[in-house]
C-alpha cells in the first residue's frame, strides 16, 4: 500500500521577536548550531518553528527531522523580495561549507 504525503495545512513566514527565543534555542540545538544573528525571518509549519534565516548575514538554522530545504528557499526568496537590493545580495549570498 502506498501512503500519500499530506501537505502541511499552513506555512507562516514572519519576523522573529524576543518571545521566540525559546523556540529558536530549541531549533538551534536540533541543528547543532548557534542561533543566527538578528533580525530573523522565521518559517512555521502548522504553528511549529521549523526554520530561521538571519537577515543580517544569511545564516540559517532548520529542524533536521523535517523536510526544510523548501522552507529555507522560501525564506530566502521572501527576504530577497523585502530587503533593499544591495543588502539582500550581501546578506543572502550562498555559503558553501
N, C-alpha and C. Protein backbone atom coordinates (compact mmCIF):
# COMPACT_ATOMS: atom_id res chain seq x y z
N UNK A 1 0.84 -1.16 0.00
CA UNK A 1 0.00 0.00 0.00
C UNK A 1 0.90 1.24 0.00
N UNK A 2 0.56 2.20 -0.83
CA UNK A 2 1.32 3.43 -0.94
C UNK A 2 0.63 4.52 -0.13
N UNK A 3 1.40 5.19 0.72
CA UNK A 3 0.85 6.27 1.53
C UNK A 3 1.03 7.59 0.80
N UNK A 4 -0.02 8.38 0.74
CA UNK A 4 0.06 9.71 0.13
C UNK A 4 0.62 10.69 1.14
N UNK A 5 1.54 11.54 0.69
CA UNK A 5 2.08 12.55 1.58
C UNK A 5 1.09 13.69 1.68
N UNK A 6 0.81 14.11 2.88
CA UNK A 6 -0.10 15.22 3.13
C UNK A 6 0.68 16.52 3.20
N UNK A 7 0.28 17.53 2.43
CA UNK A 7 0.97 18.82 2.56
C UNK A 7 0.62 19.46 3.90
N UNK A 8 1.50 20.31 4.40
CA UNK A 8 1.18 20.99 5.66
C UNK A 8 -0.06 21.85 5.48
N UNK A 9 -0.81 22.00 6.57
CA UNK A 9 -2.02 22.79 6.46
C UNK A 9 -1.73 24.28 6.40
N UNK A 10 -0.61 24.72 6.99
CA UNK A 10 -0.27 26.13 6.88
C UNK A 10 1.22 26.36 7.07
N UNK A 11 1.75 27.28 6.28
CA UNK A 11 3.12 27.73 6.42
C UNK A 11 3.06 29.23 6.67
N UNK A 12 3.70 29.67 7.74
CA UNK A 12 3.72 31.08 8.09
C UNK A 12 5.15 31.58 8.03
N UNK A 13 5.36 32.66 7.29
CA UNK A 13 6.66 33.34 7.24
C UNK A 13 6.48 34.65 7.98
N UNK A 14 7.34 34.89 8.99
CA UNK A 14 7.19 36.11 9.78
C UNK A 14 8.54 36.51 10.38
N UNK A 15 8.59 37.74 10.85
CA UNK A 15 9.78 38.24 11.55
C UNK A 15 9.85 37.59 12.92
N UNK A 16 11.07 37.39 13.41
CA UNK A 16 11.27 36.86 14.74
C UNK A 16 11.17 37.96 15.78
N UNK A 17 10.70 37.61 16.97
CA UNK A 17 10.56 38.55 18.09
C UNK A 17 11.25 37.98 19.32
N UNK A 18 11.41 38.80 20.34
CA UNK A 18 12.09 38.38 21.57
C UNK A 18 11.43 37.15 22.19
N UNK A 19 10.11 37.05 22.10
CA UNK A 19 9.44 35.90 22.72
C UNK A 19 9.61 34.61 21.93
N UNK A 20 10.34 34.64 20.81
CA UNK A 20 10.64 33.44 20.03
C UNK A 20 11.93 32.77 20.51
N UNK A 21 12.60 33.34 21.51
CA UNK A 21 13.93 32.85 21.89
C UNK A 21 13.94 31.38 22.30
N UNK A 22 12.95 30.93 23.05
CA UNK A 22 12.94 29.52 23.47
C UNK A 22 12.85 28.59 22.26
N UNK A 23 11.98 28.91 21.33
CA UNK A 23 11.86 28.11 20.11
C UNK A 23 13.11 28.14 19.26
N UNK A 24 13.76 29.31 19.21
CA UNK A 24 14.99 29.43 18.43
C UNK A 24 16.12 28.63 19.07
N UNK A 25 16.24 28.65 20.38
CA UNK A 25 17.27 27.86 21.05
C UNK A 25 17.02 26.37 20.86
N UNK A 26 15.76 25.95 20.89
CA UNK A 26 15.42 24.54 20.65
C UNK A 26 15.81 24.15 19.22
N UNK A 27 15.45 25.01 18.26
CA UNK A 27 15.76 24.75 16.86
C UNK A 27 17.27 24.70 16.63
N UNK A 28 18.01 25.63 17.24
CA UNK A 28 19.46 25.65 17.10
C UNK A 28 20.08 24.38 17.69
N UNK A 29 19.56 23.93 18.82
CA UNK A 29 20.08 22.70 19.43
C UNK A 29 19.84 21.50 18.52
N UNK A 30 18.67 21.42 17.91
CA UNK A 30 18.37 20.33 16.98
C UNK A 30 19.32 20.35 15.79
N UNK A 31 19.67 21.55 15.35
CA UNK A 31 20.53 21.73 14.17
C UNK A 31 22.02 21.74 14.53
N UNK A 32 22.34 21.57 15.82
CA UNK A 32 23.72 21.61 16.30
C UNK A 32 24.42 22.89 15.84
N UNK A 33 23.73 24.01 16.02
CA UNK A 33 24.25 25.30 15.57
C UNK A 33 23.89 26.38 16.58
N UNK A 34 24.41 27.56 16.35
CA UNK A 34 24.07 28.73 17.15
C UNK A 34 22.84 29.41 16.54
N UNK A 35 22.11 30.13 17.37
CA UNK A 35 21.02 30.95 16.84
C UNK A 35 21.65 32.04 15.98
N UNK A 36 21.20 32.20 14.73
CA UNK A 36 21.77 33.23 13.86
C UNK A 36 21.54 34.64 14.41
N UNK A 37 22.37 35.57 13.95
CA UNK A 37 22.24 36.97 14.34
C UNK A 37 20.93 37.54 13.80
N UNK A 38 20.31 38.38 14.60
CA UNK A 38 19.07 39.02 14.19
C UNK A 38 19.33 40.23 13.32
N UNK A 39 18.31 40.73 12.69
CA UNK A 39 16.92 40.27 12.73
C UNK A 39 16.74 38.94 11.99
N UNK A 40 15.71 38.21 12.38
CA UNK A 40 15.45 36.89 11.81
C UNK A 40 14.11 36.84 11.10
N UNK A 41 14.07 36.00 10.09
CA UNK A 41 12.83 35.66 9.41
C UNK A 41 12.57 34.19 9.75
N UNK A 42 11.36 33.88 10.21
CA UNK A 42 11.03 32.53 10.67
C UNK A 42 10.03 31.85 9.76
N UNK A 43 10.13 30.52 9.68
CA UNK A 43 9.15 29.71 8.96
C UNK A 43 8.52 28.74 9.95
N UNK A 44 7.22 28.83 10.09
CA UNK A 44 6.46 27.92 10.95
C UNK A 44 5.58 27.04 10.08
N UNK A 45 5.50 25.78 10.44
CA UNK A 45 4.62 24.84 9.77
C UNK A 45 3.60 24.39 10.79
N UNK A 46 2.35 24.65 10.49
CA UNK A 46 1.26 24.33 11.43
C UNK A 46 1.54 24.86 12.83
N UNK A 47 2.11 26.07 12.89
CA UNK A 47 2.36 26.74 14.16
C UNK A 47 3.64 26.33 14.87
N UNK A 48 4.43 25.42 14.28
CA UNK A 48 5.67 24.95 14.89
C UNK A 48 6.86 25.50 14.11
N UNK A 49 7.82 26.09 14.82
CA UNK A 49 9.00 26.66 14.20
C UNK A 49 9.86 25.57 13.56
N UNK A 50 10.13 25.71 12.25
CA UNK A 50 10.93 24.72 11.53
C UNK A 50 12.22 25.30 10.96
N UNK A 51 12.28 26.62 10.73
CA UNK A 51 13.48 27.20 10.13
C UNK A 51 13.56 28.68 10.47
N UNK A 52 14.80 29.19 10.51
CA UNK A 52 15.03 30.61 10.76
C UNK A 52 16.18 31.08 9.88
N UNK A 53 16.07 32.28 9.35
CA UNK A 53 17.07 32.87 8.47
C UNK A 53 17.47 34.24 9.01
N UNK A 54 18.77 34.48 9.11
CA UNK A 54 19.27 35.78 9.54
C UNK A 54 19.20 36.75 8.38
N UNK A 55 18.55 37.88 8.59
CA UNK A 55 18.52 38.93 7.58
C UNK A 55 19.81 39.74 7.61
N UNK A 56 20.62 39.56 8.65
CA UNK A 56 21.89 40.28 8.77
C UNK A 56 22.99 39.63 7.93
N UNK A 57 23.09 38.29 7.97
CA UNK A 57 24.20 37.65 7.28
C UNK A 57 23.81 36.43 6.44
N UNK A 58 22.53 36.08 6.39
CA UNK A 58 22.08 34.96 5.56
C UNK A 58 22.26 33.59 6.16
N UNK A 59 22.79 33.50 7.39
CA UNK A 59 22.94 32.19 8.02
C UNK A 59 21.55 31.67 8.43
N UNK A 60 21.44 30.35 8.54
CA UNK A 60 20.14 29.76 8.82
C UNK A 60 20.27 28.55 9.72
N UNK A 61 19.18 28.24 10.40
CA UNK A 61 19.04 27.00 11.15
C UNK A 61 17.73 26.37 10.74
N UNK A 62 17.68 25.04 10.83
CA UNK A 62 16.46 24.33 10.42
C UNK A 62 16.36 23.02 11.19
N UNK A 63 15.15 22.55 11.33
CA UNK A 63 14.87 21.30 12.04
C UNK A 63 15.30 20.13 11.15
N UNK A 64 16.31 19.36 11.56
CA UNK A 64 16.78 18.26 10.72
C UNK A 64 15.82 17.07 10.65
N UNK A 65 14.78 17.09 11.45
CA UNK A 65 13.83 15.98 11.45
C UNK A 65 12.62 16.25 10.56
N UNK A 66 12.66 17.35 9.81
CA UNK A 66 11.61 17.69 8.85
C UNK A 66 12.25 18.11 7.54
N UNK A 67 11.49 18.04 6.48
CA UNK A 67 11.97 18.50 5.17
C UNK A 67 11.93 20.02 5.17
N UNK A 68 13.10 20.64 5.20
CA UNK A 68 13.15 22.10 5.34
C UNK A 68 13.84 22.81 4.18
N UNK A 69 14.33 22.07 3.20
CA UNK A 69 15.00 22.72 2.07
C UNK A 69 14.07 23.72 1.39
N UNK A 70 12.85 23.33 1.16
CA UNK A 70 11.87 24.22 0.54
C UNK A 70 11.56 25.42 1.42
N UNK A 71 11.51 25.20 2.73
CA UNK A 71 11.25 26.32 3.65
C UNK A 71 12.39 27.33 3.61
N UNK A 72 13.63 26.85 3.58
CA UNK A 72 14.77 27.76 3.52
C UNK A 72 14.77 28.54 2.21
N UNK A 73 14.42 27.89 1.11
CA UNK A 73 14.31 28.60 -0.17
C UNK A 73 13.21 29.66 -0.09
N UNK A 74 12.10 29.32 0.53
CA UNK A 74 11.00 30.26 0.71
C UNK A 74 11.43 31.46 1.56
N UNK A 75 12.16 31.20 2.64
CA UNK A 75 12.65 32.29 3.48
C UNK A 75 13.60 33.19 2.70
N UNK A 76 14.51 32.61 1.94
CA UNK A 76 15.46 33.42 1.16
C UNK A 76 14.75 34.23 0.08
N UNK A 77 13.77 33.63 -0.56
CA UNK A 77 13.01 34.34 -1.58
C UNK A 77 12.24 35.50 -0.97
N UNK A 78 11.60 35.25 0.15
CA UNK A 78 10.85 36.30 0.84
C UNK A 78 11.78 37.43 1.29
N UNK A 79 12.93 37.06 1.85
CA UNK A 79 13.89 38.07 2.31
C UNK A 79 14.40 38.91 1.14
N UNK A 80 14.72 38.27 0.03
CA UNK A 80 15.22 38.99 -1.14
C UNK A 80 14.17 39.95 -1.70
N UNK A 81 12.90 39.58 -1.57
CA UNK A 81 11.83 40.43 -2.09
C UNK A 81 11.54 41.62 -1.17
N UNK A 82 11.91 41.51 0.10
CA UNK A 82 11.58 42.58 1.04
C UNK A 82 12.76 43.45 1.44
N UNK A 83 13.99 42.96 1.27
CA UNK A 83 15.18 43.75 1.61
C UNK A 83 15.57 44.64 0.44
N UNK A 84 16.20 45.77 0.71
CA UNK A 84 16.75 46.56 -0.38
C UNK A 84 17.77 45.73 -1.16
N UNK A 85 17.88 45.91 -2.44
CA UNK A 85 18.70 45.06 -3.32
C UNK A 85 20.13 44.85 -2.84
N UNK A 86 20.94 45.88 -2.55
CA UNK A 86 22.32 45.62 -2.12
C UNK A 86 22.39 44.83 -0.81
N UNK A 87 21.52 45.13 0.13
CA UNK A 87 21.52 44.41 1.40
C UNK A 87 21.12 42.96 1.18
N UNK A 88 20.16 42.71 0.32
CA UNK A 88 19.71 41.35 0.05
C UNK A 88 20.83 40.53 -0.57
N UNK A 89 21.53 41.09 -1.53
CA UNK A 89 22.63 40.34 -2.16
C UNK A 89 23.73 40.03 -1.16
N UNK A 90 24.07 41.00 -0.33
CA UNK A 90 25.15 40.81 0.63
C UNK A 90 24.76 39.80 1.71
N UNK A 91 23.54 39.90 2.23
CA UNK A 91 23.12 39.05 3.35
C UNK A 91 22.75 37.64 2.92
N UNK A 92 22.29 37.46 1.69
CA UNK A 92 21.73 36.17 1.31
C UNK A 92 22.58 35.40 0.31
N UNK A 93 23.85 35.80 0.14
CA UNK A 93 24.69 35.04 -0.78
C UNK A 93 24.85 33.62 -0.24
N UNK A 94 24.94 32.70 -1.14
CA UNK A 94 25.06 31.28 -0.74
C UNK A 94 26.43 31.04 -0.15
N UNK A 95 26.45 30.29 0.93
CA UNK A 95 27.71 29.93 1.57
C UNK A 95 27.94 28.44 1.38
N UNK A 96 29.12 28.09 0.95
CA UNK A 96 29.45 26.69 0.79
C UNK A 96 30.33 26.28 1.96
N UNK A 97 29.86 25.25 2.68
CA UNK A 97 30.59 24.80 3.88
C UNK A 97 31.61 23.76 3.51
